[in-house]
Amino acid sequence: MAVNWDAMVLGPLMGVFGEPATYLPAAGGSYLITGVFDEAYRELELIDGASAITTELPVLGVRLAAFPVPPVQNDRVSVASVNTTYVVREVRPDGHGYAKLMLNFVSSP
């Protein structure tokens, strides 16, 4: 039996851990979404196969079903809890209806 990840896992996850954000597609317009924001997500990056560096960057976990059009690079998102706008530098879908939006800082009021 197939698991409905969006209904059984992702929806309840957003209900517990999600916070409001405003999504601003590069094509124009805006709409409200809910996401799991992590301002200090740590990423390990291999440089030459033997050496690695660790960086911290903001990331927003989202349900892809919440988007009328899939998120893409250069879209923007305004995260209410930190009153900050970010640009999407990369979209990393997980194959189960969830994606990490890797973000870069744009502005804070």
N, C-alpha and C. Protein backbone atom coordinates (compact mmCIF):
# COMPACT_ATOMS: atom_id res chain seq x y z
N MET A 1 0.84 -1.17 0.00
CA MET A 1 0.00 0.00 0.00
C MET A 1 0.89 1.25 0.00
N ALA A 2 0.61 2.17 -0.91
CA ALA A 2 1.38 3.40 -1.02
C ALA A 2 1.03 4.36 0.11
N VAL A 3 2.03 5.10 0.55
CA VAL A 3 1.84 6.10 1.60
C VAL A 3 1.57 7.45 0.95
N ASN A 4 0.53 8.11 1.39
CA ASN A 4 0.26 9.47 0.94
C ASN A 4 1.06 10.41 1.83
N TRP A 5 2.29 10.69 1.43
CA TRP A 5 3.22 11.47 2.23
C TRP A 5 2.65 12.85 2.57
N ASP A 6 1.99 13.49 1.62
CA ASP A 6 1.49 14.83 1.87
C ASP A 6 0.43 14.82 2.97
N ALA A 7 -0.51 13.90 2.90
CA ALA A 7 -1.60 13.85 3.87
C ALA A 7 -1.17 13.26 5.22
N MET A 8 -0.35 12.22 5.17
CA MET A 8 -0.01 11.50 6.40
C MET A 8 1.19 12.08 7.15
N VAL A 9 2.11 12.73 6.44
CA VAL A 9 3.35 13.18 7.07
C VAL A 9 3.54 14.70 6.95
N LEU A 10 3.55 15.19 5.73
CA LEU A 10 3.92 16.59 5.50
C LEU A 10 2.89 17.58 6.05
N GLY A 11 1.61 17.31 5.84
CA GLY A 11 0.57 18.19 6.37
C GLY A 11 0.65 18.31 7.89
N PRO A 12 0.66 17.18 8.62
CA PRO A 12 0.79 17.26 10.07
C PRO A 12 2.10 17.91 10.53
N LEU A 13 3.19 17.66 9.82
CA LEU A 13 4.48 18.27 10.15
C LEU A 13 4.38 19.79 10.09
N MET A 14 3.78 20.31 9.02
CA MET A 14 3.63 21.76 8.89
C MET A 14 2.70 22.32 9.96
N GLY A 15 1.70 21.53 10.36
CA GLY A 15 0.79 21.97 11.41
C GLY A 15 1.49 22.16 12.75
N VAL A 16 2.53 21.38 13.00
CA VAL A 16 3.26 21.46 14.26
C VAL A 16 4.44 22.42 14.18
N PHE A 17 5.26 22.29 13.14
CA PHE A 17 6.52 23.03 13.07
C PHE A 17 6.52 24.20 12.09
N GLY A 18 5.51 24.29 11.24
CA GLY A 18 5.50 25.32 10.20
C GLY A 18 5.24 26.72 10.74
N GLU A 19 5.70 27.69 9.97
CA GLU A 19 5.45 29.09 10.28
C GLU A 19 5.11 29.82 8.99
N PRO A 20 4.40 30.95 9.10
CA PRO A 20 3.96 31.64 7.89
C PRO A 20 5.10 32.34 7.16
N ALA A 21 4.98 32.36 5.84
CA ALA A 21 5.91 33.07 4.97
C ALA A 21 5.13 33.54 3.75
N THR A 22 5.65 34.55 3.10
CA THR A 22 5.04 35.04 1.86
C THR A 22 5.98 34.68 0.72
N TYR A 23 5.42 33.97 -0.27
CA TYR A 23 6.22 33.55 -1.41
C TYR A 23 6.02 34.52 -2.56
N LEU A 24 7.14 34.94 -3.16
CA LEU A 24 7.12 35.94 -4.23
C LEU A 24 7.80 35.36 -5.46
N PRO A 25 7.05 34.71 -6.35
CA PRO A 25 7.65 34.13 -7.55
C PRO A 25 8.31 35.21 -8.42
N ALA A 26 9.40 34.85 -9.07
CA ALA A 26 10.09 35.79 -9.97
C ALA A 26 9.17 36.25 -11.09
N ALA A 27 8.20 35.42 -11.45
CA ALA A 27 7.26 35.77 -12.52
C ALA A 27 6.23 36.81 -12.09
N GLY A 28 6.16 37.10 -10.78
CA GLY A 28 5.23 38.11 -10.28
C GLY A 28 4.18 37.53 -9.36
N GLY A 29 3.56 38.40 -8.58
CA GLY A 29 2.53 38.00 -7.64
C GLY A 29 3.12 37.57 -6.30
N SER A 30 2.24 37.14 -5.41
CA SER A 30 2.68 36.62 -4.11
C SER A 30 1.55 35.80 -3.51
N TYR A 31 1.89 34.91 -2.60
CA TYR A 31 0.89 34.14 -1.87
C TYR A 31 1.50 33.62 -0.58
N LEU A 32 0.63 33.31 0.38
CA LEU A 32 1.06 32.81 1.68
C LEU A 32 1.35 31.32 1.61
N ILE A 33 2.42 30.91 2.28
CA ILE A 33 2.75 29.50 2.43
C ILE A 33 3.12 29.26 3.88
N THR A 34 3.29 28.00 4.24
CA THR A 34 3.79 27.61 5.55
C THR A 34 5.05 26.80 5.31
N GLY A 35 6.09 27.07 6.10
CA GLY A 35 7.34 26.34 5.93
C GLY A 35 8.05 26.17 7.25
N VAL A 36 9.01 25.27 7.26
CA VAL A 36 9.85 25.05 8.44
C VAL A 36 11.16 25.78 8.17
N PHE A 37 11.37 26.88 8.90
CA PHE A 37 12.53 27.74 8.67
C PHE A 37 13.65 27.39 9.62
N ASP A 38 14.85 27.31 9.08
CA ASP A 38 16.05 27.09 9.88
C ASP A 38 17.09 28.11 9.42
N GLU A 39 17.40 29.06 10.30
CA GLU A 39 18.31 30.13 9.93
C GLU A 39 19.77 29.68 9.90
N ALA A 40 20.08 28.59 10.57
CA ALA A 40 21.47 28.16 10.65
C ALA A 40 21.64 26.71 10.21
N TYR A 41 21.05 26.36 9.08
CA TYR A 41 21.20 25.03 8.52
C TYR A 41 22.67 24.81 8.18
N ARG A 42 23.23 23.69 8.57
CA ARG A 42 24.64 23.40 8.30
C ARG A 42 24.75 22.45 7.11
N GLU A 43 25.61 22.82 6.20
CA GLU A 43 25.81 22.01 5.01
C GLU A 43 27.28 21.67 4.88
N LEU A 44 27.56 20.41 4.62
CA LEU A 44 28.93 19.94 4.42
C LEU A 44 29.19 19.87 2.92
N GLU A 45 30.26 20.47 2.50
CA GLU A 45 30.59 20.50 1.08
C GLU A 45 31.99 19.96 0.88
N LEU A 46 32.11 18.90 0.05
CA LEU A 46 33.43 18.34 -0.26
C LEU A 46 34.11 19.18 -1.31
N ILE A 47 35.36 19.52 -1.06
CA ILE A 47 36.10 20.38 -1.98
C ILE A 47 36.86 19.56 -3.00
N ASP A 48 37.68 18.61 -2.55
CA ASP A 48 38.51 17.84 -3.46
C ASP A 48 38.39 16.34 -3.24
N GLY A 49 37.32 15.92 -2.62
CA GLY A 49 37.12 14.50 -2.34
C GLY A 49 37.67 14.09 -1.00
N ALA A 50 38.60 14.85 -0.45
CA ALA A 50 39.19 14.53 0.85
C ALA A 50 38.96 15.64 1.86
N SER A 51 38.94 16.88 1.40
CA SER A 51 38.74 18.02 2.28
C SER A 51 37.28 18.46 2.22
N ALA A 52 36.81 19.03 3.31
CA ALA A 52 35.42 19.49 3.36
C ALA A 52 35.34 20.80 4.12
N ILE A 53 34.31 21.57 3.80
CA ILE A 53 34.01 22.77 4.56
C ILE A 53 32.55 22.69 5.02
N THR A 54 32.27 23.34 6.10
CA THR A 54 30.91 23.42 6.60
C THR A 54 30.47 24.87 6.54
N THR A 55 29.29 25.09 6.00
CA THR A 55 28.76 26.45 5.92
C THR A 55 27.39 26.48 6.58
N GLU A 56 27.00 27.65 7.03
CA GLU A 56 25.66 27.85 7.57
C GLU A 56 24.89 28.73 6.60
N LEU A 57 23.66 28.35 6.34
CA LEU A 57 22.82 29.14 5.46
C LEU A 57 21.36 28.93 5.85
N PRO A 58 20.51 29.91 5.55
CA PRO A 58 19.10 29.74 5.85
C PRO A 58 18.45 28.78 4.86
N VAL A 59 17.47 28.03 5.36
CA VAL A 59 16.74 27.08 4.52
C VAL A 59 15.28 27.07 4.98
N LEU A 60 14.39 26.88 4.01
CA LEU A 60 12.96 26.78 4.31
C LEU A 60 12.45 25.47 3.74
N GLY A 61 11.96 24.60 4.60
CA GLY A 61 11.35 23.35 4.17
C GLY A 61 9.89 23.59 3.84
N VAL A 62 9.45 23.12 2.67
CA VAL A 62 8.08 23.40 2.22
C VAL A 62 7.42 22.16 1.62
N ARG A 63 6.09 22.17 1.66
CA ARG A 63 5.29 21.16 0.95
C ARG A 63 5.11 21.66 -0.47
N LEU A 64 5.49 20.88 -1.44
CA LEU A 64 5.35 21.30 -2.83
C LEU A 64 3.89 21.45 -3.25
N ALA A 65 2.98 20.75 -2.56
CA ALA A 65 1.55 20.85 -2.87
C ALA A 65 1.01 22.24 -2.55
N ALA A 66 1.73 23.04 -1.76
CA ALA A 66 1.27 24.38 -1.40
C ALA A 66 1.54 25.40 -2.50
N PHE A 67 2.24 25.00 -3.55
CA PHE A 67 2.63 25.92 -4.60
C PHE A 67 1.79 25.71 -5.86
N PRO A 68 1.15 26.77 -6.39
CA PRO A 68 0.42 26.62 -7.64
C PRO A 68 1.36 26.33 -8.81
N VAL A 69 2.58 26.84 -8.72
CA VAL A 69 3.65 26.58 -9.70
C VAL A 69 4.88 26.20 -8.88
N PRO A 70 5.62 25.16 -9.25
CA PRO A 70 6.76 24.74 -8.43
C PRO A 70 7.76 25.89 -8.19
N PRO A 71 8.34 25.94 -6.99
CA PRO A 71 9.33 26.97 -6.70
C PRO A 71 10.58 26.79 -7.58
N VAL A 72 11.20 27.90 -7.93
CA VAL A 72 12.41 27.86 -8.77
C VAL A 72 13.44 28.86 -8.24
N GLN A 73 14.65 28.69 -8.72
CA GLN A 73 15.73 29.60 -8.39
C GLN A 73 15.35 31.03 -8.76
N ASN A 74 15.75 31.98 -7.92
CA ASN A 74 15.50 33.41 -8.07
C ASN A 74 14.11 33.87 -7.62
N ASP A 75 13.23 32.95 -7.21
CA ASP A 75 12.02 33.37 -6.51
C ASP A 75 12.47 33.96 -5.18
N ARG A 76 11.56 34.64 -4.50
CA ARG A 76 11.87 35.22 -3.19
C ARG A 76 10.86 34.72 -2.17
N VAL A 77 11.26 34.76 -0.92
CA VAL A 77 10.37 34.38 0.17
C VAL A 77 10.65 35.31 1.35
N SER A 78 9.57 35.81 1.95
CA SER A 78 9.67 36.68 3.12
C SER A 78 9.22 35.87 4.32
N VAL A 79 10.13 35.68 5.28
CA VAL A 79 9.85 34.87 6.47
C VAL A 79 9.44 35.81 7.60
N ALA A 80 8.21 35.69 8.04
CA ALA A 80 7.64 36.62 9.02
C ALA A 80 8.37 36.60 10.36
N SER A 81 8.76 35.43 10.85
CA SER A 81 9.35 35.33 12.20
C SER A 81 10.67 36.07 12.34
N VAL A 82 11.39 36.24 11.24
CA VAL A 82 12.67 36.97 11.28
C VAL A 82 12.59 38.28 10.50
N ASN A 83 11.39 38.58 9.96
CA ASN A 83 11.15 39.81 9.23
C ASN A 83 12.23 40.05 8.17
N THR A 84 12.50 39.02 7.38
CA THR A 84 13.58 39.06 6.41
C THR A 84 13.13 38.45 5.09
N THR A 85 13.63 39.00 4.00
CA THR A 85 13.37 38.47 2.67
C THR A 85 14.62 37.78 2.15
N TYR A 86 14.40 36.62 1.52
CA TYR A 86 15.49 35.82 0.97
C TYR A 86 15.21 35.53 -0.50
N VAL A 87 16.25 35.23 -1.25
CA VAL A 87 16.11 34.76 -2.62
C VAL A 87 16.40 33.25 -2.60
N VAL A 88 15.66 32.50 -3.40
CA VAL A 88 15.86 31.06 -3.49
C VAL A 88 17.08 30.83 -4.39
N ARG A 89 18.12 30.22 -3.82
CA ARG A 89 19.31 29.94 -4.62
C ARG A 89 19.28 28.54 -5.20
N GLU A 90 18.51 27.65 -4.55
CA GLU A 90 18.40 26.27 -5.05
C GLU A 90 17.17 25.61 -4.46
N VAL A 91 16.50 24.79 -5.25
CA VAL A 91 15.35 24.02 -4.78
C VAL A 91 15.78 22.55 -4.76
N ARG A 92 15.63 21.90 -3.59
CA ARG A 92 16.03 20.50 -3.45
C ARG A 92 14.83 19.64 -3.05
N PRO A 93 14.09 19.11 -4.05
CA PRO A 93 12.96 18.22 -3.73
C PRO A 93 13.46 16.88 -3.18
N ASP A 94 12.66 16.28 -2.31
CA ASP A 94 13.08 15.01 -1.71
C ASP A 94 12.42 13.78 -2.34
N GLY A 95 11.54 13.97 -3.32
CA GLY A 95 10.88 12.83 -3.95
C GLY A 95 9.61 12.38 -3.26
N HIS A 96 9.26 13.02 -2.15
CA HIS A 96 8.04 12.66 -1.40
C HIS A 96 7.10 13.85 -1.24
N GLY A 97 7.31 14.91 -2.03
CA GLY A 97 6.43 16.07 -1.95
C GLY A 97 6.93 17.19 -1.07
N TYR A 98 8.14 17.07 -0.57
CA TYR A 98 8.75 18.08 0.29
C TYR A 98 9.98 18.62 -0.43
N ALA A 99 10.36 19.84 -0.15
CA ALA A 99 11.58 20.40 -0.74
C ALA A 99 12.24 21.33 0.26
N LYS A 100 13.55 21.40 0.18
CA LYS A 100 14.32 22.39 0.91
C LYS A 100 14.60 23.53 -0.05
N LEU A 101 14.24 24.73 0.35
CA LEU A 101 14.59 25.90 -0.43
C LEU A 101 15.84 26.49 0.22
N MET A 102 16.96 26.38 -0.48
CA MET A 102 18.22 26.92 0.01
C MET A 102 18.20 28.42 -0.30
N LEU A 103 18.42 29.24 0.71
CA LEU A 103 18.17 30.68 0.60
C LEU A 103 19.43 31.52 0.74
N ASN A 104 19.39 32.70 0.16
CA ASN A 104 20.39 33.74 0.35
C ASN A 104 19.67 35.00 0.84
N PHE A 105 20.32 35.71 1.76
CA PHE A 105 19.76 36.93 2.33
C PHE A 105 19.57 38.00 1.26
N VAL A 106 18.43 38.72 1.32
CA VAL A 106 18.19 39.85 0.43
C VAL A 106 18.07 41.12 1.26
N SER A 107 17.12 41.15 2.23
CA SER A 107 16.93 42.38 3.00
C SER A 107 16.16 42.15 4.28
N SER A 108 16.38 43.07 5.22
CA SER A 108 15.60 43.17 6.45
C SER A 108 15.24 44.64 6.60
N PRO A 109 14.05 44.93 7.11
CA PRO A 109 13.69 46.36 7.29
C PRO A 109 14.51 47.01 8.39
